[in-house]
Amino acid sequence: MNTEIEFLKSWDEIEEFYLDLLKYEGWEYVRPIQPFLILLRRQGYDKILRAGQSIHILTLSRSINHGLKDGQHRIQIEPLSTNTFEIRYHDGTEISKRLQLNNLDQKEVIEFLDELIKQKVN
């Protein structure tokens, strides 16, 4: 299995998921996820992280396979309203960091990503 190809496919699927979600009334507040995904892809995160979702919450991990196992680190980005997001870093056992931002293009998000990419692919 080629990990990079699997990661890239997951990003294609997550972009399609959010585009589809926007077709339904009441989901407009997730719209900022789309340009954020494009930004991260331009920076190459799509080659080193898996993208997934739970309901409307974007999840980024180093998991080779779809679905997370106990102990796997991950970042969850939850749109709360049009310009409010909660970002959580799970260290495999608990939420170790949490913050709310009005914009996803901030250094704190990159710091979370930098911590995540230090983890082994598993």
N, C-alpha and C. Protein backbone atom coordinates (compact mmCIF):
# COMPACT_ATOMS: atom_id res chain seq x y z
N MET A 1 0.85 -1.18 0.00
CA MET A 1 0.00 0.00 0.00
C MET A 1 0.89 1.24 0.00
N ASN A 2 0.60 2.17 -0.89
CA ASN A 2 1.35 3.42 -0.96
C ASN A 2 0.65 4.45 -0.07
N THR A 3 1.34 4.79 1.01
CA THR A 3 0.74 5.69 2.00
C THR A 3 0.40 7.05 1.40
N GLU A 4 1.29 7.61 0.60
CA GLU A 4 1.03 8.93 0.02
C GLU A 4 -0.21 8.92 -0.85
N ILE A 5 -0.38 7.87 -1.64
CA ILE A 5 -1.56 7.76 -2.49
C ILE A 5 -2.82 7.67 -1.64
N GLU A 6 -2.77 6.89 -0.57
CA GLU A 6 -3.92 6.77 0.34
C GLU A 6 -4.26 8.12 0.98
N PHE A 7 -3.23 8.85 1.40
CA PHE A 7 -3.46 10.16 1.99
C PHE A 7 -4.09 11.10 0.96
N LEU A 8 -3.55 11.14 -0.25
CA LEU A 8 -4.08 12.01 -1.30
C LEU A 8 -5.55 11.69 -1.59
N LYS A 9 -5.89 10.41 -1.67
CA LYS A 9 -7.28 10.02 -1.92
C LYS A 9 -8.19 10.51 -0.80
N SER A 10 -7.70 10.45 0.44
CA SER A 10 -8.54 10.90 1.55
C SER A 10 -8.84 12.40 1.44
N TRP A 11 -7.88 13.17 0.94
CA TRP A 11 -8.11 14.62 0.77
C TRP A 11 -9.09 14.88 -0.36
N ASP A 12 -8.99 14.11 -1.45
CA ASP A 12 -9.97 14.25 -2.53
C ASP A 12 -11.38 13.98 -2.00
N GLU A 13 -11.49 12.92 -1.20
CA GLU A 13 -12.80 12.54 -0.65
C GLU A 13 -13.33 13.60 0.32
N ILE A 14 -12.46 14.17 1.14
CA ILE A 14 -12.93 15.15 2.12
C ILE A 14 -13.34 16.45 1.44
N GLU A 15 -12.62 16.83 0.38
CA GLU A 15 -13.03 18.03 -0.36
C GLU A 15 -14.42 17.82 -0.98
N GLU A 16 -14.64 16.65 -1.53
CA GLU A 16 -15.94 16.33 -2.12
C GLU A 16 -17.02 16.31 -1.04
N PHE A 17 -16.69 15.78 0.13
CA PHE A 17 -17.66 15.74 1.23
C PHE A 17 -18.13 17.15 1.59
N TYR A 18 -17.18 18.09 1.76
CA TYR A 18 -17.59 19.44 2.15
C TYR A 18 -18.32 20.17 1.03
N LEU A 19 -17.95 19.92 -0.22
CA LEU A 19 -18.70 20.50 -1.33
C LEU A 19 -20.15 19.99 -1.33
N ASP A 20 -20.31 18.69 -1.11
CA ASP A 20 -21.65 18.12 -1.04
C ASP A 20 -22.44 18.67 0.14
N LEU A 21 -21.80 18.81 1.28
CA LEU A 21 -22.48 19.31 2.47
C LEU A 21 -23.04 20.72 2.24
N LEU A 22 -22.30 21.51 1.47
CA LEU A 22 -22.74 22.89 1.22
C LEU A 22 -23.98 22.97 0.33
N LYS A 23 -24.37 21.88 -0.27
CA LYS A 23 -25.58 21.86 -1.10
C LYS A 23 -26.84 21.91 -0.24
N TYR A 24 -26.69 21.62 1.05
CA TYR A 24 -27.84 21.54 1.94
C TYR A 24 -27.97 22.80 2.78
N GLU A 25 -29.18 23.20 3.00
CA GLU A 25 -29.47 24.39 3.81
C GLU A 25 -29.00 24.18 5.25
N GLY A 26 -28.43 25.24 5.80
CA GLY A 26 -28.01 25.20 7.19
C GLY A 26 -26.55 24.85 7.41
N TRP A 27 -25.83 24.50 6.36
CA TRP A 27 -24.42 24.11 6.50
C TRP A 27 -23.45 25.17 5.98
N GLU A 28 -23.93 26.37 5.72
CA GLU A 28 -23.07 27.42 5.16
C GLU A 28 -21.86 27.72 6.04
N TYR A 29 -22.00 27.51 7.34
CA TYR A 29 -20.90 27.84 8.25
C TYR A 29 -19.67 26.95 8.10
N VAL A 30 -19.78 25.86 7.34
CA VAL A 30 -18.60 25.03 7.09
C VAL A 30 -17.82 25.50 5.86
N ARG A 31 -18.35 26.48 5.14
CA ARG A 31 -17.73 26.96 3.90
C ARG A 31 -16.23 27.29 4.05
N PRO A 32 -15.77 27.92 5.13
CA PRO A 32 -14.34 28.24 5.24
C PRO A 32 -13.41 27.02 5.29
N ILE A 33 -13.96 25.84 5.49
CA ILE A 33 -13.13 24.63 5.47
C ILE A 33 -12.54 24.41 4.08
N GLN A 34 -13.31 24.71 3.04
CA GLN A 34 -12.87 24.46 1.67
C GLN A 34 -11.58 25.21 1.32
N PRO A 35 -11.51 26.54 1.49
CA PRO A 35 -10.24 27.22 1.17
C PRO A 35 -9.10 26.79 2.10
N PHE A 36 -9.44 26.40 3.32
CA PHE A 36 -8.42 25.91 4.25
C PHE A 36 -7.81 24.61 3.73
N LEU A 37 -8.64 23.71 3.22
CA LEU A 37 -8.13 22.47 2.64
C LEU A 37 -7.22 22.75 1.45
N ILE A 38 -7.62 23.70 0.62
CA ILE A 38 -6.81 24.06 -0.55
C ILE A 38 -5.45 24.61 -0.11
N LEU A 39 -5.46 25.46 0.90
CA LEU A 39 -4.22 26.01 1.44
C LEU A 39 -3.30 24.90 1.95
N LEU A 40 -3.85 23.98 2.72
CA LEU A 40 -3.03 22.89 3.26
C LEU A 40 -2.50 22.00 2.16
N ARG A 41 -3.29 21.77 1.12
CA ARG A 41 -2.82 20.95 0.01
C ARG A 41 -1.67 21.63 -0.72
N ARG A 42 -1.77 22.94 -0.90
CA ARG A 42 -0.66 23.67 -1.55
C ARG A 42 0.63 23.56 -0.74
N GLN A 43 0.48 23.41 0.56
CA GLN A 43 1.65 23.29 1.44
C GLN A 43 2.12 21.84 1.59
N GLY A 44 1.44 20.90 0.93
CA GLY A 44 1.88 19.51 0.91
C GLY A 44 1.38 18.63 2.04
N TYR A 45 0.49 19.14 2.86
CA TYR A 45 -0.02 18.32 3.97
C TYR A 45 -0.84 17.13 3.48
N ASP A 46 -1.38 17.22 2.27
CA ASP A 46 -2.17 16.12 1.72
C ASP A 46 -1.34 14.88 1.42
N LYS A 47 -0.03 15.02 1.38
CA LYS A 47 0.86 13.90 1.12
C LYS A 47 1.33 13.22 2.40
N ILE A 48 1.12 13.88 3.55
CA ILE A 48 1.65 13.34 4.80
C ILE A 48 0.61 13.16 5.90
N LEU A 49 -0.63 13.57 5.63
CA LEU A 49 -1.71 13.42 6.61
C LEU A 49 -2.95 12.84 5.94
N ARG A 50 -3.69 12.06 6.69
CA ARG A 50 -5.00 11.58 6.25
C ARG A 50 -6.04 12.61 6.67
N ALA A 51 -6.98 12.87 5.78
CA ALA A 51 -8.10 13.75 6.08
C ALA A 51 -9.36 12.90 6.19
N GLY A 52 -10.15 13.21 7.19
CA GLY A 52 -11.41 12.51 7.37
C GLY A 52 -12.39 13.43 8.06
N GLN A 53 -13.54 12.89 8.41
CA GLN A 53 -14.55 13.70 9.08
C GLN A 53 -15.45 12.83 9.92
N SER A 54 -16.04 13.48 10.89
CA SER A 54 -17.09 12.89 11.70
C SER A 54 -18.20 13.94 11.75
N ILE A 55 -19.30 13.65 11.13
CA ILE A 55 -20.38 14.60 10.89
C ILE A 55 -19.78 15.76 10.09
N HIS A 56 -19.57 16.92 10.69
CA HIS A 56 -19.02 18.08 9.98
C HIS A 56 -17.63 18.46 10.49
N ILE A 57 -17.06 17.65 11.37
CA ILE A 57 -15.77 17.95 12.00
C ILE A 57 -14.65 17.37 11.15
N LEU A 58 -13.75 18.22 10.68
CA LEU A 58 -12.59 17.79 9.93
C LEU A 58 -11.58 17.15 10.87
N THR A 59 -11.08 15.98 10.51
CA THR A 59 -10.08 15.29 11.32
C THR A 59 -8.86 15.02 10.46
N LEU A 60 -7.70 15.37 10.98
CA LEU A 60 -6.42 15.12 10.32
C LEU A 60 -5.61 14.19 11.21
N SER A 61 -4.99 13.19 10.59
CA SER A 61 -4.23 12.21 11.37
C SER A 61 -3.08 11.66 10.53
N ARG A 62 -2.32 10.75 11.14
CA ARG A 62 -1.26 10.03 10.43
C ARG A 62 -1.66 8.58 10.23
N SER A 63 -2.94 8.30 10.31
CA SER A 63 -3.47 6.95 10.17
C SER A 63 -3.41 6.50 8.71
N ILE A 64 -2.85 5.34 8.49
CA ILE A 64 -2.79 4.80 7.13
C ILE A 64 -4.20 4.47 6.64
N ASN A 65 -5.00 3.90 7.53
CA ASN A 65 -6.34 3.44 7.16
C ASN A 65 -7.42 4.40 7.64
N HIS A 66 -8.55 4.32 6.99
CA HIS A 66 -9.72 5.07 7.42
C HIS A 66 -10.09 4.60 8.82
N GLY A 67 -10.45 5.53 9.68
CA GLY A 67 -10.81 5.19 11.05
C GLY A 67 -9.59 5.33 11.95
N LEU A 68 -9.84 5.72 13.18
CA LEU A 68 -8.75 5.91 14.13
C LEU A 68 -8.77 4.83 15.19
N LYS A 69 -7.58 4.43 15.62
CA LYS A 69 -7.44 3.46 16.69
C LYS A 69 -7.09 4.20 17.97
N ASP A 70 -7.27 3.52 19.09
CA ASP A 70 -6.86 4.09 20.36
C ASP A 70 -5.38 4.44 20.30
N GLY A 71 -5.04 5.57 20.84
CA GLY A 71 -3.65 5.99 20.91
C GLY A 71 -3.17 6.80 19.73
N GLN A 72 -3.98 6.96 18.70
CA GLN A 72 -3.55 7.74 17.54
C GLN A 72 -3.78 9.23 17.77
N HIS A 73 -2.76 10.00 17.47
CA HIS A 73 -2.86 11.45 17.56
C HIS A 73 -3.72 11.95 16.41
N ARG A 74 -4.39 13.08 16.64
CA ARG A 74 -5.21 13.67 15.59
C ARG A 74 -5.53 15.12 15.93
N ILE A 75 -5.89 15.84 14.91
CA ILE A 75 -6.39 17.21 15.06
C ILE A 75 -7.83 17.19 14.57
N GLN A 76 -8.70 17.83 15.33
CA GLN A 76 -10.08 17.98 14.89
C GLN A 76 -10.38 19.47 14.78
N ILE A 77 -10.99 19.84 13.67
CA ILE A 77 -11.35 21.23 13.42
C ILE A 77 -12.86 21.26 13.25
N GLU A 78 -13.50 21.90 14.21
CA GLU A 78 -14.96 21.94 14.21
C GLU A 78 -15.47 23.35 13.94
N PRO A 79 -16.15 23.55 12.82
CA PRO A 79 -16.79 24.84 12.60
C PRO A 79 -17.95 24.99 13.59
N LEU A 80 -17.95 26.07 14.34
CA LEU A 80 -19.01 26.32 15.31
C LEU A 80 -20.04 27.30 14.78
N SER A 81 -19.56 28.25 13.98
CA SER A 81 -20.42 29.22 13.32
C SER A 81 -19.64 29.72 12.11
N THR A 82 -20.16 30.70 11.40
CA THR A 82 -19.55 31.14 10.15
C THR A 82 -18.06 31.44 10.28
N ASN A 83 -17.64 32.10 11.31
CA ASN A 83 -16.22 32.42 11.47
C ASN A 83 -15.70 32.07 12.85
N THR A 84 -16.16 30.97 13.39
CA THR A 84 -15.65 30.49 14.67
C THR A 84 -15.38 29.00 14.56
N PHE A 85 -14.17 28.61 14.95
CA PHE A 85 -13.73 27.22 14.85
C PHE A 85 -13.10 26.79 16.16
N GLU A 86 -13.37 25.56 16.55
CA GLU A 86 -12.65 24.99 17.68
C GLU A 86 -11.67 23.98 17.10
N ILE A 87 -10.41 24.12 17.50
CA ILE A 87 -9.36 23.22 17.06
C ILE A 87 -8.89 22.44 18.28
N ARG A 88 -8.89 21.11 18.14
CA ARG A 88 -8.48 20.25 19.24
C ARG A 88 -7.35 19.33 18.80
N TYR A 89 -6.34 19.22 19.65
CA TYR A 89 -5.27 18.26 19.42
C TYR A 89 -5.44 17.12 20.41
N HIS A 90 -5.66 15.93 19.88
CA HIS A 90 -5.77 14.72 20.70
C HIS A 90 -4.40 14.04 20.69
N ASP A 91 -3.86 13.79 21.87
CA ASP A 91 -2.54 13.18 21.95
C ASP A 91 -2.59 11.65 22.00
N GLY A 92 -3.72 11.10 21.66
CA GLY A 92 -3.88 9.66 21.67
C GLY A 92 -4.66 9.15 22.86
N THR A 93 -4.69 9.93 23.92
CA THR A 93 -5.46 9.52 25.10
C THR A 93 -6.48 10.57 25.50
N GLU A 94 -6.18 11.83 25.23
CA GLU A 94 -7.09 12.90 25.62
C GLU A 94 -6.84 14.14 24.76
N ILE A 95 -7.71 15.11 24.90
CA ILE A 95 -7.49 16.40 24.24
C ILE A 95 -6.42 17.12 25.04
N SER A 96 -5.26 17.32 24.42
CA SER A 96 -4.17 17.97 25.14
C SER A 96 -4.10 19.47 24.88
N LYS A 97 -4.67 19.89 23.76
CA LYS A 97 -4.71 21.32 23.43
C LYS A 97 -6.05 21.63 22.78
N ARG A 98 -6.56 22.81 23.08
CA ARG A 98 -7.85 23.23 22.52
C ARG A 98 -7.82 24.74 22.40
N LEU A 99 -8.32 25.24 21.28
CA LEU A 99 -8.44 26.69 21.14
C LEU A 99 -9.55 27.03 20.18
N GLN A 100 -10.05 28.25 20.29
CA GLN A 100 -11.06 28.75 19.36
C GLN A 100 -10.44 29.89 18.57
N LEU A 101 -10.70 29.87 17.26
CA LEU A 101 -10.16 30.88 16.36
C LEU A 101 -11.28 31.39 15.45
N ASN A 102 -11.08 32.60 14.94
CA ASN A 102 -12.02 33.17 13.98
C ASN A 102 -11.55 32.98 12.55
N ASN A 103 -10.33 32.44 12.39
CA ASN A 103 -9.73 32.28 11.08
C ASN A 103 -8.82 31.06 11.15
N LEU A 104 -8.89 30.17 10.18
CA LEU A 104 -8.08 28.96 10.21
C LEU A 104 -6.65 29.19 9.73
N ASP A 105 -6.40 30.28 9.05
CA ASP A 105 -5.06 30.57 8.52
C ASP A 105 -4.26 31.32 9.59
N GLN A 106 -3.95 30.63 10.69
CA GLN A 106 -3.22 31.24 11.79
C GLN A 106 -2.10 30.32 12.24
N LYS A 107 -1.07 30.90 12.82
CA LYS A 107 0.12 30.14 13.21
C LYS A 107 -0.19 29.04 14.22
N GLU A 108 -1.21 29.22 15.06
CA GLU A 108 -1.55 28.20 16.04
C GLU A 108 -1.99 26.89 15.36
N VAL A 109 -2.68 27.01 14.24
CA VAL A 109 -3.11 25.81 13.51
C VAL A 109 -1.88 25.11 12.94
N ILE A 110 -0.95 25.86 12.40
CA ILE A 110 0.29 25.29 11.86
C ILE A 110 1.09 24.62 12.97
N GLU A 111 1.08 25.20 14.15
CA GLU A 111 1.79 24.58 15.29
C GLU A 111 1.17 23.22 15.62
N PHE A 112 -0.14 23.12 15.59
CA PHE A 112 -0.81 21.83 15.81
C PHE A 112 -0.39 20.84 14.72
N LEU A 113 -0.40 21.29 13.46
CA LEU A 113 -0.02 20.43 12.34
C LEU A 113 1.43 19.97 12.47
N ASP A 114 2.31 20.89 12.85
CA ASP A 114 3.72 20.54 13.01
C ASP A 114 3.91 19.46 14.08
N GLU A 115 3.11 19.53 15.14
CA GLU A 115 3.18 18.50 16.17
C GLU A 115 2.67 17.17 15.65
N LEU A 116 1.59 17.22 14.89
CA LEU A 116 1.01 15.99 14.36
C LEU A 116 1.95 15.28 13.40
N ILE A 117 2.62 16.01 12.53
CA ILE A 117 3.47 15.35 11.53
C ILE A 117 4.72 14.73 12.15
N LYS A 118 5.02 15.02 13.40
CA LYS A 118 6.12 14.37 14.11
C LYS A 118 5.77 12.92 14.47
N GLN A 119 4.49 12.61 14.45
CA GLN A 119 4.04 11.26 14.82
C GLN A 119 4.30 10.27 13.69
N LYS A 120 4.53 9.03 14.05
CA LYS A 120 4.73 7.98 13.05
C LYS A 120 3.42 7.70 12.31
N VAL A 121 3.55 7.35 11.05
CA VAL A 121 2.40 6.89 10.28
C VAL A 121 2.04 5.52 10.83
N ASN A 122 0.77 5.32 11.15
CA ASN A 122 0.38 4.00 11.68
C ASN A 122 -1.06 3.67 11.30
